[in-house]
Amino acid sequence: MSRICVTLILMAAVATPVYADEIATLRDQSLSGDMGTRRKALRQLVALGTPQAAEALVAAGTAAEKRGDNVGVNDVVFTLKSVTSPAMAPPLRAAVPAAAKNLKVGLVTTLGRLGDAESAPMLRELSKQPEDKKLARAAYLALAGATQDRTDVERFTADLKDRKTEGDASDALGRLAAPALAPALYPLLRDPAAPQGAVTSALRALGRMAAPESAVPLMDVVERDERGGIRAEAARALLGVAEPTHVPRLERLLVEKNRSEVRDAFLAADRRQGWKSTKKLITQKFSGLVNLLPYVAMDAHPSDEQLAMAALASSDDSVRRGGIDILGHLDTATAETTLCKELKNAKNKSFVREDAASALATFGTDTAIVCYIQTMEAERDAPERHRKTYFGNNTWEACVKALRSITGEKMEEDPKAWRTWHEGGLKAGLAGMTSGLTHQDAAVRTLAATRLGQHAEKAKALDALLTAVATERNPTARIAMVKTLGAIRDVKARDTLVTVLEAKGSKTLEEHVALARALDDVGDGRGTNALIEMLSSEDSKDWALAARALSEATGEPLHYDIAKWRAWWKTYGERYRQ
């Protein structure tokens, strides 16, 4: 037997009793009359996501029902809304028949959200019981998420014809999740008499199912349906199923039919084939590229670097500016080097160099600072005629503005003064960089964290970084600190990074990626797993962001299929459990 196998067996033997003790403790706390203790224990049980934790949740709800504690029951029902682990489904399913009314509704709703196919027969029967309308409605909607039977889809579709059931039927259609049911929805897309709300729900379901065969019916809707809202919903669903084989038709819809709705799907599919179609449009000097490339920049992915280079090779300055925009959204060494080259290039027109100066500022590194200083030094002594022609005052000002933005300094425009300042800052050493983490200017804190990430003895600044990131409100500075904590690779940073991950408020793509990578570096997969769960969002912006962040953080190919990501996680996530 290998040493690794022996180690894992010993770890399991040691861990199991401790794990059981933890469940027992949380179970006792979940029965507590103290609201704060109870609610905290319930949340922790959900976080464990095991069958034993599910049994403890049910026990807490049942006990609250018996003692007539409606608040306690509601606490359990509310906590069930946070359950995401399929492993918890069997105990929850088994508890439904004997559960009291309020708890039963919560259990049924959770099983539907988990997509528990084993509960479908039970949900089907409960949805047909007229004596408890609330439970029947909850089961009806939950059945949509759990079923894999086309007869249920036919039932929902038939219910659209009755005004009393039309609303719930439309809602149920939108909750369908099994990819095998996708073909059952296609007739609804072609039915001119179908309610618009039902068609919209069906399209949302198709987007979540991500069944490859849905691409053609969805493109049919985009091409032929006269309702703008329906076309837009179909285009969003296309984003998850469009493949390189669909690019020719998507290109035709975009270029010839002027269907701007398919833009994102076209870009997603073309990205998977190395931008073959978009590069062709560049050589053909397609006028719409001016509007197309900025959308690539907003959703930038490391693989877009080659498209940016193709755009920079164009003779059209508007297309070249699009390439610069893309590079400004990529966190790669090549992007930074290329932007510096474009800024220094005296043959570029002033506005192109201004764009390069602005894009380079997003890197906020010493490399960028040196590039600005060198550019200003080269141009300071250039003939007056050359400066007016190629290096307008706006570009000079762009360099100064970028330097001030990165450093937080408000010095004059003299490049010599900037060089003196820069060299002095690097000589300040580890202590000087660490002190910069508490500076009142966010730009200084960002630069300090970035410099620490490249310092050989950065681990000595761990405590200062942990203190700083916990209270940092500026997203740019926080991202720089998170990246450096990941680079240090010390497990002591895990709890703080998780706190930042779970903090309220929206996060940018870059911050999601930085947190996922940093947590991975310290042996914690919660940042990655959180992105996978974001893929279940009904907001297309959220799951599109999650897919891109997952691809960047993991190095996996970019795709939007949550089932594939969850399957990948079953293997990848196992390393954290070990």
Protein backbone atom coordinates (compact mmCIF):
# COMPACT_ATOMS: atom_id res chain seq x y z
CA MET A 1 0.00 0.00 0.00
CA SER A 2 1.39 3.42 -0.91
CA ARG A 3 2.43 5.96 1.69
CA ILE A 4 -0.25 8.39 0.42
CA CYS A 5 -3.05 5.80 0.86
CA VAL A 6 -1.88 4.97 4.39
CA THR A 7 -1.76 8.66 5.27
CA LEU A 8 -5.30 9.27 3.98
CA ILE A 9 -6.69 6.25 5.86
CA LEU A 10 -5.07 7.42 9.10
CA MET A 11 -6.39 10.94 8.55
CA ALA A 12 -9.91 9.59 7.98
CA ALA A 13 -9.71 7.43 11.11
CA VAL A 14 -8.68 10.42 13.20
CA ALA A 15 -11.06 12.91 11.59
CA THR A 16 -14.32 10.91 11.69
CA PRO A 17 -14.94 11.00 15.50
CA VAL A 18 -14.08 14.70 15.63
CA TYR A 19 -16.47 15.31 12.75
CA ALA A 20 -19.25 13.37 14.54
CA ASP A 21 -18.61 15.34 17.71
CA GLU A 22 -18.92 18.59 15.76
CA ILE A 23 -22.30 17.49 14.34
CA ALA A 24 -23.51 16.49 17.80
CA THR A 25 -22.48 19.84 19.28
CA LEU A 26 -24.17 21.80 16.50
CA ARG A 27 -27.27 19.62 16.81
CA ASP A 28 -27.55 20.50 20.50
CA GLN A 29 -26.99 24.18 19.78
CA SER A 30 -29.63 24.15 17.02
CA LEU A 31 -32.19 23.05 19.65
CA SER A 32 -31.25 25.93 21.92
CA GLY A 33 -33.83 28.43 23.08
CA ASP A 34 -31.29 31.19 22.57
CA MET A 35 -31.99 32.66 19.12
CA GLY A 36 -28.43 33.74 18.37
CA THR A 37 -26.90 30.37 19.33
CA ARG A 38 -29.57 28.48 17.37
CA ARG A 39 -29.25 30.50 14.18
CA LYS A 40 -25.46 30.32 14.19
CA ALA A 41 -25.57 26.54 14.62
CA LEU A 42 -28.10 26.18 11.78
CA ARG A 43 -25.86 28.16 9.45
CA GLN A 44 -22.87 26.02 10.35
CA LEU A 45 -24.83 22.83 9.67
CA VAL A 46 -25.69 24.10 6.19
CA ALA A 47 -22.03 24.95 5.61
CA LEU A 48 -21.03 21.36 6.45
CA GLY A 49 -23.40 20.10 3.73
CA THR A 50 -23.43 16.45 4.89
CA PRO A 51 -26.34 14.00 5.35
CA GLN A 52 -25.74 14.08 9.11
CA ALA A 53 -26.00 17.88 9.08
CA ALA A 54 -29.28 17.61 7.16
CA GLU A 55 -30.66 15.22 9.79
CA ALA A 56 -29.73 17.72 12.49
CA LEU A 57 -31.58 20.49 10.60
CA VAL A 58 -34.71 18.35 10.38
CA ALA A 59 -34.45 17.48 14.07
CA ALA A 60 -34.25 21.16 14.97
CA GLY A 61 -37.34 21.96 12.89
CA THR A 62 -39.31 19.02 14.27
CA ALA A 63 -38.46 19.93 17.85
CA ALA A 64 -39.54 23.51 17.28
CA GLU A 65 -42.85 22.31 15.78
CA LYS A 66 -43.53 20.08 18.81
CA ARG A 67 -42.97 22.86 21.31
CA GLY A 68 -45.07 25.30 19.29
CA ASP A 69 -42.10 27.55 18.56
CA ASN A 70 -43.03 29.23 15.27
CA VAL A 71 -39.91 31.40 15.34
CA GLY A 72 -37.72 28.30 15.65
CA VAL A 73 -39.52 26.62 12.74
CA ASN A 74 -39.12 29.72 10.60
CA ASP A 75 -35.42 29.81 11.46
CA VAL A 76 -35.00 26.29 10.09
CA VAL A 77 -37.12 27.00 7.00
CA PHE A 78 -35.13 30.17 6.32
CA THR A 79 -31.84 28.28 6.77
CA LEU A 80 -32.99 25.61 4.29
CA LYS A 81 -32.94 28.32 1.61
CA SER A 82 -29.13 28.32 1.88
CA VAL A 83 -28.71 24.57 1.32
CA THR A 84 -26.70 23.88 -1.85
CA SER A 85 -25.18 20.45 -1.18
CA PRO A 86 -26.89 17.57 -3.06
CA ALA A 87 -25.59 15.26 -0.32
CA MET A 88 -28.20 16.73 2.03
CA ALA A 89 -31.13 15.77 -0.23
CA PRO A 90 -31.78 12.13 0.90
CA PRO A 91 -32.39 12.94 4.61
CA LEU A 92 -34.48 15.99 3.66
CA ARG A 93 -36.54 13.86 1.28
CA ALA A 94 -37.07 11.15 3.89
CA ALA A 95 -38.31 13.73 6.40
CA VAL A 96 -41.09 15.15 4.21
CA PRO A 97 -43.93 12.63 4.89
CA ALA A 98 -43.79 13.02 8.69
CA ALA A 99 -42.96 16.74 8.77
CA ALA A 100 -45.50 19.26 10.04
CA LYS A 101 -47.05 21.77 7.63
CA ASN A 102 -44.63 24.71 7.68
CA LEU A 103 -41.49 22.59 7.79
CA LYS A 104 -42.84 20.37 5.00
CA VAL A 105 -43.20 23.36 2.67
CA GLY A 106 -39.60 24.37 3.37
CA LEU A 107 -38.30 20.85 2.75
CA VAL A 108 -40.24 20.50 -0.50
CA THR A 109 -39.00 23.83 -1.82
CA THR A 110 -35.39 22.93 -0.98
CA LEU A 111 -35.61 19.59 -2.79
CA GLY A 112 -36.83 21.35 -5.93
CA ARG A 113 -34.03 23.88 -5.77
CA LEU A 114 -31.46 21.10 -5.34
CA GLY A 115 -32.85 19.38 -8.45
CA ASP A 116 -33.31 16.12 -6.51
CA ALA A 117 -34.69 13.75 -9.17
CA GLU A 118 -35.47 11.06 -6.57
CA SER A 119 -38.06 13.33 -4.97
CA ALA A 120 -40.00 13.91 -8.21
CA PRO A 121 -42.65 11.16 -7.69
CA MET A 122 -43.38 12.41 -4.19
CA LEU A 123 -43.54 16.03 -5.35
CA ARG A 124 -45.85 15.05 -8.20
CA GLU A 125 -48.33 13.49 -5.77
CA LEU A 126 -48.16 16.38 -3.31
CA SER A 127 -48.80 18.87 -6.11
CA LYS A 128 -52.14 17.18 -6.84
CA GLN A 129 -53.53 17.32 -3.29
CA PRO A 130 -56.24 20.02 -3.12
CA GLU A 131 -56.65 20.03 0.68
CA ASP A 132 -53.46 22.04 1.28
CA LYS A 133 -53.12 24.64 -1.46
CA LYS A 134 -49.90 26.14 -0.08
CA LEU A 135 -48.14 22.78 0.01
CA ALA A 136 -49.56 21.78 -3.39
CA ARG A 137 -48.27 24.99 -4.97
CA ALA A 138 -44.82 24.58 -3.37
CA ALA A 139 -44.65 20.97 -4.62
CA TYR A 140 -45.82 22.02 -8.11
CA LEU A 141 -42.99 24.53 -8.42
CA ALA A 142 -40.45 22.23 -6.77
CA LEU A 143 -41.38 19.45 -9.19
CA ALA A 144 -40.21 21.65 -12.06
CA GLY A 145 -36.70 21.74 -10.61
CA ALA A 146 -36.60 18.02 -9.82
CA THR A 147 -38.37 16.34 -12.73
CA GLN A 148 -36.82 14.65 -15.73
CA ASP A 149 -40.17 13.52 -17.14
CA ARG A 150 -41.57 15.19 -20.26
CA THR A 151 -45.15 14.53 -19.11
CA ASP A 152 -44.61 17.11 -16.36
CA VAL A 153 -43.58 19.68 -18.98
CA GLU A 154 -46.75 18.85 -20.90
CA ARG A 155 -48.72 19.42 -17.72
CA PHE A 156 -47.16 22.84 -17.15
CA THR A 157 -47.73 23.79 -20.78
CA ALA A 158 -51.40 22.72 -20.62
CA ASP A 159 -51.85 24.77 -17.43
CA LEU A 160 -50.86 27.89 -19.38
CA LYS A 161 -54.31 27.83 -20.99
CA ASP A 162 -56.10 28.42 -17.68
CA ARG A 163 -55.88 31.92 -16.21
CA LYS A 164 -55.98 30.46 -12.68
CA THR A 165 -52.87 28.37 -13.26
CA GLU A 166 -51.09 30.37 -15.97
CA GLY A 167 -48.84 32.25 -13.54
CA ASP A 168 -47.61 29.20 -11.63
CA ALA A 169 -47.22 27.24 -14.87
CA SER A 170 -45.08 29.99 -16.37
CA ASP A 171 -43.00 30.08 -13.17
CA ALA A 172 -42.62 26.28 -13.25
CA LEU A 173 -41.41 26.32 -16.85
CA GLY A 174 -38.69 28.73 -15.84
CA ARG A 175 -37.51 26.35 -13.10
CA LEU A 176 -37.00 23.33 -15.33
CA ALA A 177 -33.39 22.22 -15.03
CA ALA A 178 -32.86 18.79 -16.59
CA PRO A 179 -31.11 19.15 -20.00
CA ALA A 180 -33.07 16.14 -21.30
CA LEU A 181 -36.24 18.26 -21.12
CA ALA A 182 -34.95 20.95 -23.49
CA PRO A 183 -36.64 19.48 -26.62
CA ALA A 184 -39.99 19.56 -24.83
CA LEU A 185 -39.75 23.37 -24.70
CA TYR A 186 -39.02 23.96 -28.38
CA PRO A 187 -42.69 23.83 -29.52
CA LEU A 188 -43.48 26.61 -27.04
CA LEU A 189 -40.87 28.84 -28.71
CA ARG A 190 -42.62 28.40 -32.05
CA ASP A 191 -46.17 28.87 -30.74
CA PRO A 192 -47.42 32.38 -31.64
CA ALA A 193 -50.30 32.00 -29.16
CA ALA A 194 -48.06 31.21 -26.19
CA PRO A 195 -48.00 33.91 -23.47
CA GLN A 196 -44.89 36.05 -23.70
CA GLY A 197 -44.12 35.47 -20.02
CA ALA A 198 -44.18 31.71 -20.54
CA VAL A 199 -41.86 31.94 -23.54
CA THR A 200 -39.48 34.09 -21.52
CA SER A 201 -39.51 31.54 -18.70
CA ALA A 202 -38.83 28.70 -21.14
CA LEU A 203 -35.90 30.59 -22.60
CA ARG A 204 -34.42 31.16 -19.14
CA ALA A 205 -34.74 27.45 -18.43
CA LEU A 206 -32.98 26.61 -21.70
CA GLY A 207 -30.16 28.93 -20.78
CA ARG A 208 -29.72 27.16 -17.45
CA MET A 209 -29.99 23.67 -18.99
CA ALA A 210 -27.20 24.51 -21.47
CA ALA A 211 -28.23 21.63 -23.75
CA PRO A 212 -26.06 21.85 -26.91
CA GLU A 213 -29.00 21.04 -29.21
CA SER A 214 -30.76 24.20 -28.00
CA ALA A 215 -28.48 26.45 -30.03
CA VAL A 216 -30.37 26.15 -33.34
CA PRO A 217 -33.88 26.74 -31.89
CA LEU A 218 -32.54 29.72 -29.97
CA MET A 219 -30.93 31.22 -33.07
CA ASP A 220 -34.26 30.70 -34.86
CA VAL A 221 -35.96 32.83 -32.20
CA VAL A 222 -33.35 35.57 -32.49
CA GLU A 223 -33.65 35.63 -36.27
CA ARG A 224 -37.43 35.40 -36.66
CA ASP A 225 -39.22 36.62 -33.54
CA GLU A 226 -40.40 40.22 -33.76
CA ARG A 227 -40.53 40.76 -29.99
CA GLY A 228 -37.34 42.47 -28.84
CA GLY A 229 -37.58 41.17 -25.28
CA ILE A 230 -37.95 37.57 -26.46
CA ARG A 231 -35.00 37.93 -28.84
CA ALA A 232 -32.86 39.35 -26.03
CA GLU A 233 -33.78 36.46 -23.70
CA ALA A 234 -33.01 33.90 -26.41
CA ALA A 235 -29.64 35.57 -27.02
CA ARG A 236 -28.80 35.34 -23.30
CA ALA A 237 -29.65 31.64 -23.36
CA LEU A 238 -27.42 31.24 -26.42
CA LEU A 239 -24.43 32.41 -24.43
CA GLY A 240 -24.23 29.08 -22.63
CA VAL A 241 -24.64 26.81 -25.68
CA ALA A 242 -23.02 28.65 -28.60
CA GLU A 243 -20.06 26.73 -29.98
CA PRO A 244 -17.56 27.41 -32.80
CA THR A 245 -19.79 25.46 -35.21
CA HIS A 246 -22.45 28.12 -34.73
CA VAL A 247 -20.16 31.07 -35.41
CA PRO A 248 -20.97 31.41 -39.16
CA ARG A 249 -24.68 31.85 -38.46
CA LEU A 250 -24.06 34.08 -35.45
CA GLU A 251 -21.74 36.21 -37.56
CA ARG A 252 -24.42 36.52 -40.24
CA LEU A 253 -27.04 37.52 -37.66
CA LEU A 254 -24.64 40.10 -36.25
CA VAL A 255 -23.26 41.55 -39.50
CA GLU A 256 -26.02 41.09 -42.06
CA LYS A 257 -29.17 40.98 -39.94
CA ASN A 258 -27.93 43.62 -37.50
CA ARG A 259 -29.04 41.53 -34.52
CA SER A 260 -26.90 43.08 -31.82
CA GLU A 261 -28.49 40.72 -29.27
CA VAL A 262 -26.23 37.87 -30.42
CA ARG A 263 -23.05 39.86 -29.84
CA ASP A 264 -22.12 38.17 -26.56
CA ALA A 265 -22.91 34.67 -27.85
CA PHE A 266 -20.88 35.34 -31.00
CA LEU A 267 -17.92 36.54 -28.96
CA ALA A 268 -18.15 33.59 -26.53
CA ALA A 269 -18.22 31.05 -29.38
CA ASP A 270 -15.52 32.77 -31.41
CA ARG A 271 -13.28 33.00 -28.34
CA ARG A 272 -13.34 29.19 -28.20
CA GLN A 273 -11.86 28.98 -31.68
CA GLY A 274 -9.11 31.52 -31.11
CA TRP A 275 -11.02 34.51 -32.54
CA LYS A 276 -10.94 33.12 -36.06
CA SER A 277 -14.04 35.02 -37.18
CA THR A 278 -13.28 38.31 -35.41
CA LYS A 279 -9.74 38.32 -36.82
CA LYS A 280 -11.27 37.86 -40.27
CA LEU A 281 -13.54 40.85 -39.64
CA ILE A 282 -10.44 42.89 -38.73
CA THR A 283 -8.80 42.10 -42.07
CA GLN A 284 -12.07 42.89 -43.84
CA LYS A 285 -12.22 46.23 -42.01
CA PHE A 286 -15.71 45.59 -40.64
CA SER A 287 -16.99 48.95 -39.36
CA GLY A 288 -18.81 47.33 -36.42
CA LEU A 289 -15.50 46.34 -34.81
CA VAL A 290 -15.34 49.78 -33.20
CA ASN A 291 -18.34 48.73 -31.10
CA LEU A 292 -17.48 45.03 -30.85
CA LEU A 293 -13.97 45.18 -29.36
CA PRO A 294 -14.96 47.22 -26.28
CA TYR A 295 -17.29 44.38 -25.28
CA VAL A 296 -14.39 41.96 -25.51
CA ALA A 297 -12.47 44.30 -23.22
CA MET A 298 -15.27 44.38 -20.64
CA ASP A 299 -15.28 40.57 -20.51
CA ALA A 300 -11.54 40.19 -20.99
CA HIS A 301 -10.01 36.74 -20.61
CA PRO A 302 -6.29 35.86 -20.85
CA SER A 303 -6.92 34.08 -24.15
CA ASP A 304 -7.99 37.43 -25.64
CA GLU A 305 -4.37 38.54 -25.79
CA GLN A 306 -3.98 37.21 -29.34
CA LEU A 307 -7.05 39.14 -30.51
CA ALA A 308 -5.62 42.33 -29.03
CA MET A 309 -2.40 41.75 -30.94
CA ALA A 310 -4.34 41.23 -34.16
CA ALA A 311 -6.18 44.49 -33.57
CA LEU A 312 -2.91 46.32 -32.93
CA ALA A 313 -1.63 45.08 -36.29
CA SER A 314 -4.48 46.90 -38.04
CA SER A 315 -3.90 50.13 -39.96
CA ASP A 316 -7.14 51.52 -38.56
CA ASP A 317 -6.41 53.50 -35.41
CA SER A 318 -9.94 52.98 -34.06
CA VAL A 319 -9.38 49.20 -34.21
CA ARG A 320 -5.92 49.57 -32.65
CA ARG A 321 -7.48 51.49 -29.79
CA GLY A 322 -9.81 48.54 -29.27
CA GLY A 323 -6.77 46.26 -28.96
CA ILE A 324 -5.23 48.60 -26.40
CA ASP A 325 -8.50 48.60 -24.45
CA ILE A 326 -8.45 44.80 -24.28
CA LEU A 327 -4.83 44.72 -23.07
CA GLY A 328 -5.70 47.18 -20.33
CA HIS A 329 -8.12 44.62 -18.90
CA LEU A 330 -5.65 41.71 -18.91
CA ASP A 331 -3.44 40.93 -15.96
CA THR A 332 -0.55 39.53 -18.00
CA ALA A 333 3.09 40.46 -18.43
CA THR A 334 2.73 40.54 -22.23
CA ALA A 335 -0.14 43.01 -21.99
CA GLU A 336 1.87 45.32 -19.75
CA THR A 337 4.95 45.13 -22.00
CA THR A 338 2.94 45.77 -25.15
CA LEU A 339 1.14 48.79 -23.68
CA CYS A 340 4.46 50.29 -22.65
CA LYS A 341 5.77 49.73 -26.18
CA GLU A 342 2.73 51.47 -27.68
CA LEU A 343 3.11 54.38 -25.28
CA LYS A 344 6.77 54.84 -26.18
CA ASN A 345 6.21 54.47 -29.93
CA ALA A 346 6.80 57.96 -31.34
CA LYS A 347 5.06 57.00 -34.61
CA ASN A 348 1.73 56.49 -32.88
CA LYS A 349 -0.75 59.33 -32.95
CA SER A 350 -1.32 61.24 -29.75
CA PHE A 351 -4.73 59.74 -28.94
CA VAL A 352 -3.39 56.19 -29.35
CA ARG A 353 -0.59 56.93 -26.91
CA GLU A 354 -3.07 58.50 -24.51
CA ASP A 355 -5.12 55.31 -24.57
CA ALA A 356 -1.98 53.26 -23.92
CA ALA A 357 -1.06 55.51 -20.98
CA SER A 358 -4.51 55.11 -19.44
CA ALA A 359 -4.61 51.34 -20.00
CA LEU A 360 -1.13 50.85 -18.53
CA ALA A 361 -2.23 52.61 -15.33
CA THR A 362 -4.49 49.66 -14.44
CA PHE A 363 -1.39 47.55 -13.73
CA GLY A 364 -0.17 49.93 -11.02
CA THR A 365 3.32 48.40 -10.95
CA ASP A 366 6.85 49.72 -10.82
CA THR A 367 7.25 48.54 -14.42
CA ALA A 368 4.45 50.90 -15.47
CA ILE A 369 5.94 53.76 -13.44
CA VAL A 370 9.33 53.36 -15.11
CA CYS A 371 7.65 53.29 -18.54
CA TYR A 372 5.94 56.64 -17.90
CA ILE A 373 9.15 58.21 -16.67
CA GLN A 374 11.19 56.91 -19.62
CA THR A 375 8.54 58.13 -22.08
CA MET A 376 8.53 61.61 -20.59
CA GLU A 377 12.36 61.69 -20.53
CA ALA A 378 12.52 60.71 -24.20
CA GLU A 379 9.98 63.31 -25.24
CA ARG A 380 11.28 66.13 -23.05
CA ASP A 381 14.31 66.61 -25.28
CA ALA A 382 12.51 65.93 -28.58
CA PRO A 383 12.36 68.77 -31.14
CA GLU A 384 9.36 71.05 -30.67
CA ARG A 385 7.95 70.11 -34.07
CA HIS A 386 8.11 66.40 -33.22
CA ARG A 387 6.37 66.94 -29.88
CA LYS A 388 3.49 68.88 -31.43
CA THR A 389 3.01 66.27 -34.14
CA TYR A 390 3.29 63.02 -32.22
CA PHE A 391 3.32 63.70 -28.49
CA GLY A 392 0.61 66.24 -27.80
CA ASN A 393 0.21 67.92 -24.46
CA ASN A 394 -2.69 65.57 -23.71
CA THR A 395 -0.39 62.55 -23.86
CA TRP A 396 2.18 64.20 -21.61
CA GLU A 397 -0.63 65.02 -19.21
CA ALA A 398 -1.86 61.41 -19.44
CA CYS A 399 1.54 60.18 -18.25
CA VAL A 400 1.57 62.62 -15.35
CA LYS A 401 -2.03 61.78 -14.46
CA ALA A 402 -1.23 58.05 -14.48
CA LEU A 403 1.84 58.55 -12.28
CA ARG A 404 -0.16 60.57 -9.79
CA SER A 405 -2.93 57.96 -9.83
CA ILE A 406 -0.59 55.02 -9.19
CA THR A 407 1.61 56.68 -6.59
CA GLY A 408 -0.69 59.11 -4.81
CA GLU A 409 1.98 61.79 -5.25
CA LYS A 410 1.14 65.24 -6.61
CA MET A 411 4.55 66.23 -7.93
CA GLU A 412 5.18 68.51 -10.89
CA GLU A 413 5.64 67.29 -14.45
CA ASP A 414 9.44 67.01 -14.25
CA PRO A 415 10.41 63.37 -15.09
CA LYS A 416 13.68 63.82 -13.17
CA ALA A 417 11.77 64.47 -9.96
CA TRP A 418 9.63 61.37 -10.58
CA ARG A 419 12.71 59.21 -11.15
CA THR A 420 14.28 60.44 -7.92
CA TRP A 421 11.05 59.68 -6.04
CA HIS A 422 10.76 56.21 -7.57
CA GLU A 423 14.31 55.14 -6.82
CA GLY A 424 13.97 56.42 -3.27
CA GLY A 425 10.78 54.40 -2.73
CA LEU A 426 12.42 51.17 -3.83
CA LYS A 427 15.31 51.82 -1.43
CA ALA A 428 12.86 52.11 1.47
CA GLY A 429 12.89 48.32 1.72
CA LEU A 430 10.41 45.99 3.40
CA ALA A 431 9.70 48.32 6.32
CA GLY A 432 8.93 51.24 4.02
CA MET A 433 6.57 49.16 1.87
CA THR A 434 4.79 47.73 4.91
CA SER A 435 4.21 51.20 6.33
CA GLY A 436 2.59 52.18 3.04
CA LEU A 437 -0.28 49.75 3.76
CA THR A 438 -1.68 52.25 6.27
CA HIS A 439 -1.27 55.37 4.14
CA GLN A 440 -4.34 57.59 3.84
CA ASP A 441 -4.21 57.45 0.04
CA ALA A 442 -5.59 54.25 -1.52
CA ALA A 443 -3.14 54.53 -4.42
CA VAL A 444 -0.19 54.38 -2.04
CA ARG A 445 -1.69 51.35 -0.25
CA THR A 446 -2.16 49.64 -3.61
CA LEU A 447 1.41 50.27 -4.72
CA ALA A 448 2.75 49.15 -1.34
CA ALA A 449 0.87 45.85 -1.55
CA THR A 450 1.96 45.31 -5.16
CA ARG A 451 5.61 45.96 -4.27
CA LEU A 452 5.40 43.63 -1.27
CA GLY A 453 4.17 40.88 -3.58
CA GLN A 454 7.45 41.07 -5.48
CA HIS A 455 9.68 41.36 -2.39
CA ALA A 456 11.83 38.37 -1.48
CA GLU A 457 10.95 38.65 2.22
CA LYS A 458 7.25 39.45 1.79
CA ALA A 459 6.23 36.77 4.34
CA LYS A 460 7.53 39.07 7.09
CA ALA A 461 4.73 41.51 6.23
CA LEU A 462 1.96 38.89 6.68
CA ASP A 463 0.48 40.29 9.88
CA ALA A 464 0.44 43.84 8.51
CA LEU A 465 -1.26 42.64 5.31
CA LEU A 466 -3.90 40.67 7.23
CA THR A 467 -4.73 43.71 9.33
CA ALA A 468 -4.85 45.99 6.29
CA VAL A 469 -6.98 43.79 4.02
CA ALA A 470 -9.57 43.20 6.76
CA THR A 471 -10.44 46.90 6.85
CA GLU A 472 -9.60 47.95 3.27
CA ARG A 473 -12.56 49.59 1.52
CA ASN A 474 -10.91 50.47 -1.77
CA PRO A 475 -11.41 47.55 -4.21
CA THR A 476 -8.16 48.14 -6.11
CA ALA A 477 -6.05 48.22 -2.96
CA ARG A 478 -7.91 45.20 -1.56
CA ILE A 479 -7.22 43.18 -4.72
CA ALA A 480 -3.51 44.02 -4.54
CA MET A 481 -3.40 42.87 -0.90
CA VAL A 482 -5.29 39.66 -1.68
CA LYS A 483 -2.86 38.84 -4.51
CA THR A 484 0.13 39.34 -2.22
CA LEU A 485 -1.42 37.17 0.50
CA GLY A 486 -1.84 34.44 -2.10
CA ALA A 487 1.79 34.85 -3.14
CA ILE A 488 2.91 34.38 0.49
CA ARG A 489 1.04 31.02 0.64
CA ASP A 490 0.61 30.98 4.41
CA VAL A 491 -2.39 29.12 5.84
CA LYS A 492 -2.72 31.86 8.49
CA ALA A 493 -4.29 34.04 5.80
CA ARG A 494 -7.18 31.63 5.15
CA ASP A 495 -9.71 32.93 7.69
CA THR A 496 -9.14 36.55 6.72
CA LEU A 497 -9.46 35.78 3.01
CA VAL A 498 -12.71 33.89 3.63
CA THR A 499 -14.03 36.89 5.57
CA VAL A 500 -13.24 39.13 2.59
CA LEU A 501 -14.90 36.61 0.27
CA GLU A 502 -18.10 36.50 2.33
CA ALA A 503 -18.29 40.25 2.99
CA LYS A 504 -21.41 41.94 1.70
CA GLY A 505 -21.28 44.03 -1.45
CA SER A 506 -20.66 43.33 -5.11
CA LYS A 507 -17.23 42.24 -6.32
CA THR A 508 -15.56 42.79 -9.67
CA LEU A 509 -14.37 39.99 -11.91
CA GLU A 510 -10.76 40.76 -10.93
CA GLU A 511 -11.55 40.52 -7.21
CA HIS A 512 -13.38 37.20 -7.61
CA VAL A 513 -10.39 35.82 -9.51
CA ALA A 514 -7.88 37.16 -6.97
CA LEU A 515 -9.80 35.66 -4.02
CA ALA A 516 -10.25 32.27 -5.70
CA ARG A 517 -6.54 32.10 -6.56
CA ALA A 518 -5.35 33.32 -3.16
CA LEU A 519 -7.58 30.89 -1.25
CA ASP A 520 -6.41 28.09 -3.51
CA ASP A 521 -2.82 29.04 -2.70
CA VAL A 522 -3.52 28.56 1.03
CA GLY A 523 -5.39 25.27 0.51
CA ASP A 524 -9.00 26.44 0.59
CA GLY A 525 -11.46 25.95 -2.27
CA ARG A 526 -14.28 28.20 -1.06
CA GLY A 527 -13.43 31.00 -3.46
CA THR A 528 -13.65 28.61 -6.41
CA ASN A 529 -16.77 26.87 -5.11
CA ALA A 530 -18.52 30.22 -4.58
CA LEU A 531 -18.01 31.00 -8.27
CA ILE A 532 -19.49 27.64 -9.26
CA GLU A 533 -22.58 28.37 -7.19
CA MET A 534 -22.84 31.81 -8.83
CA LEU A 535 -23.44 29.97 -12.10
CA SER A 536 -26.91 29.06 -10.81
CA SER A 537 -27.89 32.73 -10.63
CA GLU A 538 -30.84 33.79 -12.76
CA ASP A 539 -29.01 37.04 -13.48
CA SER A 540 -27.14 36.47 -16.74
CA LYS A 541 -24.53 39.06 -15.78
CA ASP A 542 -23.68 37.17 -12.59
CA TRP A 543 -23.24 33.77 -14.18
CA ALA A 544 -21.35 35.17 -17.14
CA LEU A 545 -18.95 36.85 -14.69
CA ALA A 546 -18.67 33.65 -12.66
CA ALA A 547 -17.81 31.58 -15.73
CA ARG A 548 -15.05 33.96 -16.79
CA ALA A 549 -13.68 34.17 -13.25
CA LEU A 550 -13.65 30.38 -12.94
CA SER A 551 -11.77 30.02 -16.20
CA GLU A 552 -9.18 32.61 -15.20
CA ALA A 553 -8.76 31.30 -11.67
CA THR A 554 -8.51 27.63 -12.63
CA GLY A 555 -6.99 27.71 -16.10
CA GLU A 556 -9.88 25.59 -17.41
CA PRO A 557 -11.47 26.41 -20.81
CA LEU A 558 -14.18 29.05 -20.66
CA HIS A 559 -17.71 27.60 -20.65
CA TYR A 560 -21.01 28.33 -18.91
CA ASP A 561 -22.33 24.84 -18.09
CA ILE A 562 -22.85 24.58 -14.31
CA ALA A 563 -23.25 20.79 -14.54
CA LYS A 564 -19.79 20.46 -16.09
CA TRP A 565 -18.28 22.78 -13.50
CA ARG A 566 -19.89 20.83 -10.65
CA ALA A 567 -18.61 17.57 -12.14
CA TRP A 568 -15.14 19.13 -12.36
CA TRP A 569 -15.42 20.29 -8.74
CA LYS A 570 -16.18 16.77 -7.50
CA THR A 571 -12.66 15.81 -8.56
CA TYR A 572 -10.84 19.08 -8.00
CA GLY A 573 -12.47 19.89 -4.65
CA GLU A 574 -11.50 16.51 -3.23
CA ARG A 575 -7.98 17.77 -2.61
CA TYR A 576 -9.27 20.21 0.01
CA ARG A 577 -11.24 17.51 1.83
CA GLN A 578 -8.08 15.39 1.93
